[in-house]
Amino acid sequence: MDLNVIVVERKEDGQLVTIDERRWSQAMINATQHANFVVVGGQEYEMLEGRLNIEKQFLELLVLKVVAE
């Protein structure tokens, strides 16, 4: 079963910005149980939490940008 996934970045000021939206395979969705980070557009993000919206049939992932020190 594929599912639409929306990746939302929480900015430093608290603003929420959608950075990616696409259909994920079941294997990719399952992989989120084992991964703490995701790469979108060449940028690494830490996954904070997920929210499943059953009415709109999508999974929303909240992420923070990883800043290299």
Protein backbone atom coordinates (compact mmCIF):
# COMPACT_ATOMS: atom_id res chain seq x y z
CA MET A 1 0.00 0.00 0.00
CA ASP A 2 1.42 3.37 -1.02
CA LEU A 3 0.68 6.51 0.95
CA ASN A 4 1.07 10.23 0.32
CA VAL A 5 3.73 11.65 2.64
CA ILE A 6 4.18 15.33 3.42
CA VAL A 7 7.50 16.40 4.98
CA VAL A 8 7.13 19.55 7.07
CA GLU A 9 10.13 21.49 8.40
CA ARG A 10 9.85 23.29 11.71
CA LYS A 11 11.92 26.48 11.37
CA GLU A 12 13.84 28.05 14.26
CA ASP A 13 11.06 30.63 14.72
CA GLY A 14 8.45 27.84 14.98
CA GLN A 15 7.05 28.34 11.48
CA LEU A 16 6.01 25.14 9.67
CA VAL A 17 6.96 24.84 5.99
CA THR A 18 6.11 21.95 3.65
CA ILE A 19 9.37 20.93 1.95
CA ASP A 20 8.28 17.76 0.13
CA GLU A 21 5.13 15.91 -0.85
CA ARG A 22 5.11 12.64 -2.74
CA ARG A 23 3.83 9.06 -2.75
CA TRP A 24 5.92 6.63 -0.65
CA SER A 25 5.97 2.86 -0.99
CA GLN A 26 5.14 0.65 1.97
CA ALA A 27 8.86 -0.23 2.27
CA MET A 28 9.82 3.45 2.62
CA ILE A 29 7.09 4.04 5.20
CA ASN A 30 8.29 1.01 7.17
CA ALA A 31 11.87 2.32 7.04
CA THR A 32 10.85 5.39 9.07
CA GLN A 33 10.59 3.05 12.08
CA HIS A 34 14.33 2.41 11.84
CA ALA A 35 15.65 5.79 10.67
CA ASN A 36 16.02 9.03 12.61
CA PHE A 37 17.05 11.18 9.66
CA VAL A 38 15.81 11.80 6.13
CA VAL A 39 17.45 13.58 3.18
CA VAL A 40 15.28 15.88 1.05
CA GLY A 41 16.77 17.88 -1.82
CA GLY A 42 20.30 17.09 -0.64
CA GLN A 43 19.62 18.49 2.85
CA GLU A 44 19.57 16.25 5.94
CA TYR A 45 16.71 16.55 8.42
CA GLU A 46 16.02 14.91 11.76
CA MET A 47 12.59 13.29 11.94
CA LEU A 48 10.76 14.42 15.08
CA GLU A 49 7.31 12.89 14.81
CA GLY A 50 4.66 11.69 12.42
CA ARG A 51 0.93 12.29 12.16
CA LEU A 52 -1.45 10.10 10.17
CA ASN A 53 -4.44 11.91 8.68
CA ILE A 54 -6.90 9.15 7.82
CA GLU A 55 -9.52 11.49 6.37
CA LYS A 56 -7.11 12.99 3.81
CA GLN A 57 -5.10 9.75 3.59
CA PHE A 58 -1.60 11.11 4.13
CA LEU A 59 1.25 10.82 6.59
CA GLU A 60 2.83 14.05 7.76
CA LEU A 61 6.45 13.98 9.03
CA LEU A 62 7.75 16.84 11.16
CA VAL A 63 11.48 17.45 10.68
CA LEU A 64 14.29 19.79 11.78
CA LYS A 65 17.16 20.81 9.48
CA VAL A 66 20.50 19.35 10.53
CA VAL A 67 23.11 22.09 10.71
CA ALA A 68 26.74 21.06 10.26
CA GLU A 69 28.99 22.35 13.03
